[in-house]
Amino acid sequence: MGMFDWVKSSYPLPEPFMGLNQTKDIEEGYSGTMSNFWIDPAGYLWVGVYKDTHTFETIEEDDPRYDPKFAWVNYEWVPTGKHGKFIVHPITKYVEIYPAEWSGKWEDWPRLKIHFKYGKLQDYEDVTGR
């Protein structure tokens, strides 16, 4: 099925869309990056931003962790001590979501089309089976 993004809803959407959902529609060009989004109770869409929370460092040859047989593993992500944050994601578009937990045939999965304008939910429509 491929990669997707997570969308957690605290906005009063119909069941089974309350809670954790998935989508591939939020960002053009790089959707499916396992990004985390949240729809707050007022209908605003938030995105997690983790800029500067880690640095990418090379493990040098004089380091005991260095592995000369596998040069591609001689790198690591190092925490900087900074924390990520959530900011309003000001998109204007239609986004289709589906429940993260569903135990039925793919053709029967519930789907909800949500309209966002400047990051605020405007309306939604059940598009299951279309």
Protein backbone atom coordinates (compact mmCIF):
# COMPACT_ATOMS: atom_id res chain seq x y z
CA MET A 1 0.00 0.00 0.00
CA GLY A 2 2.96 2.31 0.39
CA MET A 3 3.83 5.10 2.76
CA PHE A 4 1.29 7.44 4.33
CA ASP A 5 0.92 10.24 6.88
CA TRP A 6 -0.82 9.99 10.26
CA VAL A 7 -3.83 12.21 11.04
CA LYS A 8 -5.22 12.15 14.57
CA SER A 9 -8.60 13.79 14.96
CA SER A 10 -9.92 15.44 18.12
CA TYR A 11 -12.53 17.23 15.98
CA PRO A 12 -16.00 15.60 16.18
CA LEU A 13 -15.88 13.59 12.96
CA PRO A 14 -18.24 10.65 12.40
CA GLU A 15 -17.17 7.17 13.54
CA PRO A 16 -14.80 5.53 12.66
CA PHE A 17 -12.76 8.68 11.91
CA MET A 18 -12.35 9.84 15.50
CA GLY A 19 -8.85 8.99 16.64
CA LEU A 20 -6.01 7.86 14.41
CA ASN A 21 -6.29 7.93 10.62
CA GLN A 22 -4.01 7.74 7.59
CA THR A 23 -3.79 9.78 4.38
CA LYS A 24 -1.65 10.26 1.30
CA ASP A 25 -3.21 13.60 0.30
CA ILE A 26 -1.91 16.30 2.65
CA GLU A 27 1.26 17.41 0.86
CA GLU A 28 1.86 17.41 -2.86
CA GLY A 29 5.22 16.02 -3.89
CA TYR A 30 6.15 14.43 -0.56
CA SER A 31 3.05 12.89 0.98
CA GLY A 32 3.55 9.57 2.61
CA THR A 33 6.53 10.65 4.69
CA MET A 34 5.06 9.26 7.94
CA SER A 35 4.47 12.82 9.14
CA ASN A 36 2.19 13.45 12.10
CA PHE A 37 -0.84 15.73 11.81
CA TRP A 38 -3.55 16.59 14.34
CA ILE A 39 -7.00 18.09 13.84
CA ASP A 40 -7.78 19.94 17.06
CA PRO A 41 -11.31 20.23 18.57
CA ALA A 42 -11.81 23.58 16.78
CA GLY A 43 -10.95 22.02 13.38
CA TYR A 44 -7.43 23.41 12.88
CA LEU A 45 -4.84 21.15 11.24
CA TRP A 46 -1.50 20.98 13.05
CA VAL A 47 1.79 19.41 11.90
CA GLY A 48 4.75 18.23 13.94
CA VAL A 49 7.99 20.12 13.22
CA TYR A 50 11.23 18.60 14.43
CA LYS A 51 13.79 20.98 12.92
CA ASP A 52 17.09 21.15 14.83
CA THR A 53 16.10 18.37 17.26
CA HIS A 54 18.89 16.10 15.93
CA THR A 55 22.15 16.40 14.01
CA PHE A 56 23.52 13.88 11.54
CA GLU A 57 27.08 12.95 12.44
CA THR A 58 29.76 10.78 10.85
CA ILE A 59 31.49 8.09 12.90
CA GLU A 60 35.19 8.59 12.13
CA GLU A 61 37.76 5.82 11.59
CA ASP A 62 39.43 6.40 14.98
CA ASP A 63 36.11 5.81 16.79
CA PRO A 64 35.73 2.24 18.21
CA ARG A 65 32.20 2.09 16.74
CA TYR A 66 33.58 2.55 13.20
CA ASP A 67 32.96 -0.47 10.94
CA PRO A 68 35.26 -0.58 7.87
CA LYS A 69 33.25 -3.43 6.31
CA PHE A 70 30.03 -1.42 6.21
CA ALA A 71 30.85 2.21 5.50
CA TRP A 72 27.17 3.07 5.09
CA VAL A 73 26.50 2.40 8.81
CA ASN A 74 29.13 4.84 10.07
CA TYR A 75 26.59 7.60 10.65
CA GLU A 76 24.17 8.41 13.44
CA TRP A 77 21.43 10.83 14.48
CA VAL A 78 22.40 12.66 17.67
CA PRO A 79 19.78 14.49 19.79
CA THR A 80 20.44 18.20 20.31
CA GLY A 81 18.26 18.56 23.40
CA LYS A 82 15.72 20.70 21.56
CA HIS A 83 12.13 19.55 21.37
CA GLY A 84 9.82 19.51 18.36
CA LYS A 85 6.60 21.46 18.27
CA PHE A 86 3.27 21.50 16.50
CA ILE A 87 2.26 24.45 14.31
CA VAL A 88 -0.92 25.14 12.33
CA HIS A 89 -0.54 23.78 8.80
CA PRO A 90 -2.24 26.40 6.58
CA ILE A 91 -3.28 24.23 3.63
CA THR A 92 -6.29 24.90 1.42
CA LYS A 93 -7.36 21.66 -0.23
CA TYR A 94 -9.40 18.48 0.03
CA VAL A 95 -7.77 15.64 1.95
CA GLU A 96 -9.05 12.07 2.07
CA ILE A 97 -8.50 10.10 5.28
CA TYR A 98 -9.19 6.50 6.27
CA PRO A 99 -9.05 4.82 9.69
CA ALA A 100 -5.65 3.47 10.74
CA GLU A 101 -7.28 0.44 12.34
CA TRP A 102 -9.64 -1.34 9.98
CA SER A 103 -10.15 -5.07 9.59
CA GLY A 104 -12.08 -5.34 6.37
CA LYS A 105 -11.47 -5.53 2.66
CA TRP A 106 -9.64 -2.55 1.17
CA GLU A 107 -12.62 -1.82 -1.08
CA ASP A 108 -14.85 -1.48 2.01
CA TRP A 109 -12.58 0.80 4.05
CA PRO A 110 -14.36 3.94 5.22
CA ARG A 111 -13.05 7.12 3.57
CA LEU A 112 -13.76 10.71 4.51
CA LYS A 113 -13.00 13.73 2.30
CA ILE A 114 -12.17 16.80 4.40
CA HIS A 115 -12.03 20.35 3.07
CA PHE A 116 -9.42 22.59 4.72
CA LYS A 117 -9.18 26.33 4.05
CA TYR A 118 -6.09 28.07 5.43
CA GLY A 119 -5.61 25.12 7.79
CA LYS A 120 -9.17 25.14 9.20
CA LEU A 121 -11.66 22.36 8.55
CA GLN A 122 -14.59 23.73 6.54
CA ASP A 123 -16.64 20.61 5.90
CA TYR A 124 -16.36 16.89 5.25
CA GLU A 125 -18.10 14.21 3.20
CA ASP A 126 -18.19 10.42 3.51
CA VAL A 127 -16.86 9.06 0.20
CA THR A 128 -16.76 5.37 1.14
CA GLY A 129 -17.38 3.17 -1.90
CA ARG A 130 -16.98 5.89 -4.52
